[in-house]
PDB file of all heavy atoms in Angstrom:
ATOM      1  N   TRP A   1     109.821 136.670 102.319  1.00  0.00           N
ATOM      2  CA  TRP A   1     108.739 136.771 103.311  1.00  0.00           C
ATOM      3  C   TRP A   1     107.744 135.627 103.110  1.00  0.00           C
ATOM      4  O   TRP A   1     107.349 134.950 104.058  1.00  0.00           O
ATOM      5  CB  TRP A   1     108.037 138.122 103.189  1.00  0.00           C
ATOM      6  CG  TRP A   1     106.878 138.241 104.132  1.00  0.00           C
ATOM      7  CD1 TRP A   1     105.564 138.004 103.846  1.00  0.00           C
ATOM      8  CD2 TRP A   1     106.929 138.598 105.508  1.00  0.00           C
ATOM      9  NE1 TRP A   1     104.795 138.198 104.964  1.00  0.00           N
ATOM     10  CE2 TRP A   1     105.609 138.561 105.997  1.00  0.00           C
ATOM     11  CE3 TRP A   1     107.958 138.937 106.366  1.00  0.00           C
ATOM     12  CZ2 TRP A   1     105.296 138.865 107.319  1.00  0.00           C
ATOM     13  CZ3 TRP A   1     107.642 139.245 107.686  1.00  0.00           C
ATOM     14  CH2 TRP A   1     106.325 139.203 108.149  1.00  0.00           C
ATOM     15  N   ASP A   2     107.331 135.399 101.881  1.00  0.00           N
ATOM     16  CA  ASP A   2     106.337 134.355 101.606  1.00  0.00           C
ATOM     17  C   ASP A   2     106.842 132.963 101.957  1.00  0.00           C
ATOM     18  O   ASP A   2     106.079 132.106 102.389  1.00  0.00           O
ATOM     19  CB  ASP A   2     105.905 134.389 100.134  1.00  0.00           C
ATOM     20  CG  ASP A   2     104.979 135.550  99.821  1.00  0.00           C
ATOM     21  OD1 ASP A   2     104.423 136.157 100.764  1.00  0.00           O
ATOM     22  OD2 ASP A   2     104.801 135.856  98.631  1.00  0.00           O
ATOM     23  N   ILE A   3     108.127 132.730 101.788  1.00  0.00           N
ATOM     24  CA  ILE A   3     108.688 131.404 102.072  1.00  0.00           C
ATOM     25  C   ILE A   3     109.046 131.233 103.547  1.00  0.00           C
ATOM     26  O   ILE A   3     108.848 130.172 104.124  1.00  0.00           O
ATOM     27  CB  ILE A   3     109.933 131.142 101.192  1.00  0.00           C
ATOM     28  CG1 ILE A   3     109.496 131.000  99.729  1.00  0.00           C
ATOM     29  CG2 ILE A   3     110.689 129.904 101.646  1.00  0.00           C
ATOM     30  CD1 ILE A   3     110.644 130.923  98.756  1.00  0.00           C
ATOM     31  N   ALA A   4     109.541 132.296 104.191  1.00  0.00           N
ATOM     32  CA  ALA A   4     110.106 132.155 105.536  1.00  0.00           C
ATOM     33  C   ALA A   4     109.200 132.608 106.675  1.00  0.00           C
ATOM     34  O   ALA A   4     109.461 132.268 107.818  1.00  0.00           O
ATOM     35  CB  ALA A   4     111.429 132.909 105.620  1.00  0.00           C
ATOM     36  N   ALA A   5     108.148 133.365 106.397  1.00  0.00           N
ATOM     37  CA  ALA A   5     107.280 133.828 107.491  1.00  0.00           C
ATOM     38  C   ALA A   5     106.367 132.686 107.919  1.00  0.00           C
ATOM     39  O   ALA A   5     105.585 132.163 107.126  1.00  0.00           O
ATOM     40  CB  ALA A   5     106.466 135.039 107.051  1.00  0.00           C
ATOM     41  N   PHE A   6     106.476 132.279 109.155  1.00  0.00           N
ATOM     42  CA  PHE A   6     105.720 131.150 109.697  1.00  0.00           C
ATOM     43  C   PHE A   6     104.246 131.513 109.809  1.00  0.00           C
ATOM     44  O   PHE A   6     103.885 132.515 110.434  1.00  0.00           O
ATOM     45  CB  PHE A   6     106.273 130.755 111.070  1.00  0.00           C
ATOM     46  CG  PHE A   6     105.637 129.522 111.632  1.00  0.00           C
ATOM     47  CD1 PHE A   6     106.172 128.276 111.340  1.00  0.00           C
ATOM     48  CD2 PHE A   6     104.512 129.596 112.430  1.00  0.00           C
ATOM     49  CE1 PHE A   6     105.585 127.123 111.860  1.00  0.00           C
ATOM     50  CE2 PHE A   6     103.937 128.457 112.950  1.00  0.00           C
ATOM     51  CZ  PHE A   6     104.466 127.212 112.668  1.00  0.00           C
ATOM     52  N   MET A   7     103.398 130.689 109.209  1.00  0.00           N
ATOM     53  CA  MET A   7     101.958 130.924 109.275  1.00  0.00           C
ATOM     54  C   MET A   7     101.362 130.100 110.408  1.00  0.00           C
ATOM     55  O   MET A   7     101.556 128.890 110.473  1.00  0.00           O
ATOM     56  CB  MET A   7     101.275 130.555 107.959  1.00  0.00           C
ATOM     57  CG  MET A   7      99.786 130.866 107.969  1.00  0.00           C
ATOM     58  SD  MET A   7      98.962 130.448 106.421  1.00  0.00           S
ATOM     59  CE  MET A   7      99.591 131.738 105.363  1.00  0.00           C
ATOM     60  N   THR A   8     100.636 130.768 111.291  1.00  0.00           N
ATOM     61  CA  THR A   8      99.987 130.087 112.399  1.00  0.00           C
ATOM     62  C   THR A   8      98.641 129.524 111.941  1.00  0.00           C
ATOM     63  O   THR A   8      98.197 129.774 110.824  1.00  0.00           O
ATOM     64  CB  THR A   8      99.725 131.071 113.564  1.00  0.00           C
ATOM     65  OG1 THR A   8      98.696 131.989 113.175  1.00  0.00           O
ATOM     66  CG2 THR A   8     100.980 131.803 113.965  1.00  0.00           C
ATOM     67  N   GLN A   9      97.988 128.812 112.820  1.00  0.00           N
ATOM     68  CA  GLN A   9      96.628 128.336 112.573  1.00  0.00           C
ATOM     69  C   GLN A   9      95.607 129.371 113.054  1.00  0.00           C
ATOM     70  O   GLN A   9      94.413 129.174 112.945  1.00  0.00           O
ATOM     71  CB  GLN A   9      96.391 127.007 113.295  1.00  0.00           C
ATOM     72  CG  GLN A   9      97.257 125.878 112.773  1.00  0.00           C
ATOM     73  CD  GLN A   9      96.962 125.579 111.309  1.00  0.00           C
ATOM     74  OE1 GLN A   9      95.824 125.476 110.899  1.00  0.00           O
ATOM     75  NE2 GLN A   9      98.010 125.468 110.518  1.00  0.00           N
ATOM     76  N   GLU A  10      96.110 130.485 113.585  1.00  0.00           N
ATOM     77  CA  GLU A  10      95.262 131.535 114.156  1.00  0.00           C
ATOM     78  C   GLU A  10      94.712 132.446 113.052  1.00  0.00           C
ATOM     79  O   GLU A  10      95.467 133.095 112.335  1.00  0.00           O
ATOM     80  CB  GLU A  10      96.093 132.344 115.147  1.00  0.00           C
ATOM     81  CG  GLU A  10      95.317 133.311 115.975  1.00  0.00           C
ATOM     82  CD  GLU A  10      96.219 133.978 117.005  1.00  0.00           C
ATOM     83  OE1 GLU A  10      97.301 133.449 117.323  1.00  0.00           O
ATOM     84  OE2 GLU A  10      95.814 135.055 117.487  1.00  0.00           O
ATOM     85  N   VAL A  11      93.391 132.493 112.933  1.00  0.00           N
ATOM     86  CA  VAL A  11      92.754 133.320 111.917  1.00  0.00           C
ATOM     87  C   VAL A  11      92.810 134.783 112.349  1.00  0.00           C
ATOM     88  O   VAL A  11      92.691 135.109 113.533  1.00  0.00           O
ATOM     89  CB  VAL A  11      91.285 132.879 111.704  1.00  0.00           C
ATOM     90  CG1 VAL A  11      90.555 133.795 110.743  1.00  0.00           C
ATOM     91  CG2 VAL A  11      91.250 131.447 111.196  1.00  0.00           C
ATOM     92  N   CYS A  12      92.994 135.663 111.388  1.00  0.00           N
ATOM     93  CA  CYS A  12      93.083 137.096 111.679  1.00  0.00           C
ATOM     94  C   CYS A  12      91.835 137.580 112.404  1.00  0.00           C
ATOM     95  O   CYS A  12      90.718 137.379 111.925  1.00  0.00           O
ATOM     96  CB  CYS A  12      93.270 137.870 110.364  1.00  0.00           C
ATOM     97  SG  CYS A  12      93.265 139.648 110.606  1.00  0.00           S
ATOM     98  N   PRO A  13      92.007 138.244 113.546  1.00  0.00           N
ATOM     99  CA  PRO A  13      90.844 138.737 114.297  1.00  0.00           C
ATOM    100  C   PRO A  13      90.166 139.929 113.621  1.00  0.00           C
ATOM    101  O   PRO A  13      89.033 140.264 113.954  1.00  0.00           O
ATOM    102  CB  PRO A  13      91.433 139.153 115.649  1.00  0.00           C
ATOM    103  CG  PRO A  13      92.865 139.426 115.368  1.00  0.00           C
ATOM    104  CD  PRO A  13      93.263 138.523 114.237  1.00  0.00           C
ATOM    105  N   SER A  14      90.835 140.522 112.655  1.00  0.00           N
ATOM    106  CA  SER A  14      90.276 141.689 111.975  1.00  0.00           C
ATOM    107  C   SER A  14      89.494 141.304 110.722  1.00  0.00           C
ATOM    108  O   SER A  14      88.331 141.645 110.582  1.00  0.00           O
ATOM    109  CB  SER A  14      91.401 142.667 111.619  1.00  0.00           C
ATOM    110  OG  SER A  14      90.891 143.781 110.946  1.00  0.00           O
ATOM    111  N   CYS A  15      90.127 140.573 109.813  1.00  0.00           N
ATOM    112  CA  CYS A  15      89.472 140.271 108.524  1.00  0.00           C
ATOM    113  C   CYS A  15      88.937 138.844 108.442  1.00  0.00           C
ATOM    114  O   CYS A  15      88.194 138.523 107.526  1.00  0.00           O
ATOM    115  CB  CYS A  15      90.409 140.564 107.362  1.00  0.00           C
ATOM    116  SG  CYS A  15      91.778 139.390 107.190  1.00  0.00           S
ATOM    117  N   GLN A  16      89.339 137.977 109.350  1.00  0.00           N
ATOM    118  CA  GLN A  16      88.964 136.568 109.357  1.00  0.00           C
ATOM    119  C   GLN A  16      89.286 135.862 108.035  1.00  0.00           C
ATOM    120  O   GLN A  16      88.775 134.797 107.736  1.00  0.00           O
ATOM    121  CB  GLN A  16      87.460 136.380 109.644  1.00  0.00           C
ATOM    122  CG  GLN A  16      87.097 136.301 111.097  1.00  0.00           C
ATOM    123  CD  GLN A  16      87.072 137.662 111.749  1.00  0.00           C
ATOM    124  OE1 GLN A  16      86.418 138.562 111.270  1.00  0.00           O
ATOM    125  NE2 GLN A  16      87.783 137.800 112.839  1.00  0.00           N
ATOM    126  N   ASP A  17      90.135 136.466 107.229  1.00  0.00           N
ATOM    127  CA  ASP A  17      90.418 135.932 105.904  1.00  0.00           C
ATOM    128  C   ASP A  17      91.751 135.205 105.815  1.00  0.00           C
ATOM    129  O   ASP A  17      91.903 134.303 105.010  1.00  0.00           O
ATOM    130  CB  ASP A  17      90.384 137.073 104.866  1.00  0.00           C
ATOM    131  CG  ASP A  17      90.448 136.563 103.444  1.00  0.00           C
ATOM    132  OD1 ASP A  17      89.750 135.573 103.149  1.00  0.00           O
ATOM    133  OD2 ASP A  17      91.187 137.145 102.641  1.00  0.00           O
ATOM    134  N   GLU A  18      92.693 135.567 106.621  1.00  0.00           N
ATOM    135  CA  GLU A  18      94.041 135.001 106.529  1.00  0.00           C
ATOM    136  C   GLU A  18      94.464 134.485 107.901  1.00  0.00           C
ATOM    137  O   GLU A  18      94.027 134.984 108.927  1.00  0.00           O
ATOM    138  CB  GLU A  18      95.044 136.082 106.105  1.00  0.00           C
ATOM    139  CG  GLU A  18      94.853 136.598 104.710  1.00  0.00           C
ATOM    140  CD  GLU A  18      95.479 135.698 103.667  1.00  0.00           C
ATOM    141  OE1 GLU A  18      96.451 134.996 103.983  1.00  0.00           O
ATOM    142  OE2 GLU A  18      94.987 135.704 102.541  1.00  0.00           O
ATOM    143  N   ASN A  19      95.357 133.516 107.890  1.00  0.00           N
ATOM    144  CA  ASN A  19      95.992 133.106 109.130  1.00  0.00           C
ATOM    145  C   ASN A  19      97.122 134.083 109.419  1.00  0.00           C
ATOM    146  O   ASN A  19      97.751 134.600 108.506  1.00  0.00           O
ATOM    147  CB  ASN A  19      96.539 131.689 109.012  1.00  0.00           C
ATOM    148  CG  ASN A  19      95.435 130.657 108.957  1.00  0.00           C
ATOM    149  OD1 ASN A  19      94.266 130.977 108.797  1.00  0.00           O
ATOM    150  ND2 ASN A  19      95.806 129.417 109.074  1.00  0.00           N
ATOM    151  N   LEU A  20      97.347 134.320 110.695  1.00  0.00           N
ATOM    152  CA  LEU A  20      98.394 135.252 111.089  1.00  0.00           C
ATOM    153  C   LEU A  20      99.778 134.641 110.867  1.00  0.00           C
ATOM    154  O   LEU A  20      99.968 133.442 110.999  1.00  0.00           O
ATOM    155  CB  LEU A  20      98.239 135.631 112.551  1.00  0.00           C
ATOM    156  CG  LEU A  20      96.958 136.385 112.901  1.00  0.00           C
ATOM    157  CD1 LEU A  20      96.875 136.604 114.406  1.00  0.00           C
ATOM    158  CD2 LEU A  20      96.881 137.702 112.160  1.00  0.00           C
ATOM    159  N   LYS A  21     100.724 135.493 110.515  1.00  0.00           N
ATOM    160  CA  LYS A  21     102.115 135.091 110.382  1.00  0.00           C
ATOM    161  C   LYS A  21     102.888 135.690 111.552  1.00  0.00           C
ATOM    162  O   LYS A  21     102.490 136.700 112.124  1.00  0.00           O
ATOM    163  CB  LYS A  21     102.695 135.573 109.052  1.00  0.00           C
ATOM    164  CG  LYS A  21     102.112 134.815 107.864  1.00  0.00           C
ATOM    165  CD  LYS A  21     102.803 135.170 106.585  1.00  0.00           C
ATOM    166  CE  LYS A  21     102.271 134.316 105.446  1.00  0.00           C
ATOM    167  NZ  LYS A  21     102.890 134.675 104.167  1.00  0.00           N
ATOM    168  N   ILE A  22     103.993 135.050 111.881  1.00  0.00           N
ATOM    169  CA  ILE A  22     104.830 135.524 112.981  1.00  0.00           C
ATOM    170  C   ILE A  22     106.033 136.248 112.386  1.00  0.00           C
ATOM    171  O   ILE A  22     106.738 135.722 111.535  1.00  0.00           O
ATOM    172  CB  ILE A  22     105.271 134.364 113.884  1.00  0.00           C
ATOM    173  CG1 ILE A  22     104.033 133.660 114.449  1.00  0.00           C
ATOM    174  CG2 ILE A  22     106.152 134.884 115.013  1.00  0.00           C
ATOM    175  CD1 ILE A  22     104.344 132.442 115.276  1.00  0.00           C
ATOM    176  N   ALA A  23     106.218 137.480 112.856  1.00  0.00           N
ATOM    177  CA  ALA A  23     107.303 138.326 112.371  1.00  0.00           C
ATOM    178  C   ALA A  23     108.113 138.842 113.552  1.00  0.00           C
ATOM    179  O   ALA A  23     107.716 138.708 114.705  1.00  0.00           O
ATOM    180  CB  ALA A  23     106.733 139.496 111.565  1.00  0.00           C
ATOM    181  N   SER A  24     109.228 139.456 113.230  1.00  0.00           N
ATOM    182  CA  SER A  24     110.147 139.959 114.241  1.00  0.00           C
ATOM    183  C   SER A  24     110.605 141.364 113.884  1.00  0.00           C
ATOM    184  O   SER A  24     110.660 141.733 112.714  1.00  0.00           O
ATOM    185  CB  SER A  24     111.365 139.030 114.301  1.00  0.00           C
ATOM    186  OG  SER A  24     112.385 139.567 115.118  1.00  0.00           O
ATOM    187  N   SER A  25     110.950 142.114 114.921  1.00  0.00           N
ATOM    188  CA  SER A  25     111.658 143.370 114.656  1.00  0.00           C
ATOM    189  C   SER A  25     113.052 142.995 114.160  1.00  0.00           C
ATOM    190  O   SER A  25     113.545 141.888 114.424  1.00  0.00           O
ATOM    191  CB  SER A  25     111.748 144.221 115.928  1.00  0.00           C
ATOM    192  OG  SER A  25     112.381 143.499 116.971  1.00  0.00           O
ATOM    193  N   ILE A  26     113.675 143.883 113.447  1.00  0.00           N
ATOM    194  CA  ILE A  26     114.996 143.585 112.878  1.00  0.00           C
ATOM    195  C   ILE A  26     116.017 143.289 113.978  1.00  0.00           C
ATOM    196  O   ILE A  26     116.872 142.431 113.814  1.00  0.00           O
ATOM    197  CB  ILE A  26     115.456 144.727 111.951  1.00  0.00           C
ATOM    198  CG1 ILE A  26     114.548 144.723 110.742  1.00  0.00           C
ATOM    199  CG2 ILE A  26     116.923 144.598 111.583  1.00  0.00           C
ATOM    200  CD1 ILE A  26     114.984 145.441 109.539  1.00  0.00           C
ATOM    201  N   ASP A  27     115.888 143.957 115.117  1.00  0.00           N
ATOM    202  CA  ASP A  27     116.834 143.697 116.204  1.00  0.00           C
ATOM    203  C   ASP A  27     116.439 142.471 117.035  1.00  0.00           C
ATOM    204  O   ASP A  27     117.077 142.143 118.023  1.00  0.00           O
ATOM    205  CB  ASP A  27     117.001 144.927 117.091  1.00  0.00           C
ATOM    206  CG  ASP A  27     115.720 145.320 117.823  1.00  0.00           C
ATOM    207  OD1 ASP A  27     114.692 144.601 117.727  1.00  0.00           O
ATOM    208  OD2 ASP A  27     115.734 146.373 118.489  1.00  0.00           O
ATOM    209  N   LYS A  28     115.362 141.796 116.629  1.00  0.00           N
ATOM    210  CA  LYS A  28     114.862 140.549 117.232  1.00  0.00           C
ATOM    211  C   LYS A  28     114.396 140.715 118.677  1.00  0.00           C
ATOM    212  O   LYS A  28     114.311 139.742 119.418  1.00  0.00           O
ATOM    213  CB  LYS A  28     115.913 139.441 117.122  1.00  0.00           C
ATOM    214  CG  LYS A  28     116.265 139.120 115.696  1.00  0.00           C
ATOM    215  CD  LYS A  28     117.295 138.035 115.604  1.00  0.00           C
ATOM    216  CE  LYS A  28     117.693 137.832 114.150  1.00  0.00           C
ATOM    217  NZ  LYS A  28     118.879 137.053 113.989  1.00  0.00           N
ATOM    218  N   THR A  29     114.064 141.933 119.091  1.00  0.00           N
ATOM    219  CA  THR A  29     113.596 142.150 120.461  1.00  0.00           C
ATOM    220  C   THR A  29     112.077 142.056 120.581  1.00  0.00           C
ATOM    221  O   THR A  29     111.566 141.915 121.684  1.00  0.00           O
ATOM    222  CB  THR A  29     114.052 143.525 121.000  1.00  0.00           C
ATOM    223  OG1 THR A  29     113.493 144.549 120.161  1.00  0.00           O
ATOM    224  CG2 THR A  29     115.570 143.612 121.031  1.00  0.00           C
ATOM    225  N   LYS A  30     111.375 142.133 119.458  1.00  0.00           N
ATOM    226  CA  LYS A  30     109.907 142.086 119.480  1.00  0.00           C
ATOM    227  C   LYS A  30     109.426 141.010 118.528  1.00  0.00           C
ATOM    228  O   LYS A  30     109.995 140.806 117.464  1.00  0.00           O
ATOM    229  CB  LYS A  30     109.320 143.439 119.075  1.00  0.00           C
ATOM    230  CG  LYS A  30     109.659 144.545 120.026  1.00  0.00           C
ATOM    231  CD  LYS A  30     109.045 145.847 119.581  1.00  0.00           C
ATOM    232  CE  LYS A  30     109.448 146.928 120.570  1.00  0.00           C
ATOM    233  NZ  LYS A  30     110.040 148.068 119.941  1.00  0.00           N
TER     234      LYS A  30
END
């Protein structure tokens, strides 16, 4: 997860502490 999850430049709207990562459902539909 740490190596493969793509980190965006978008700061978390909740905690403002981390940039958001892009994830997928296992079936890749979401």
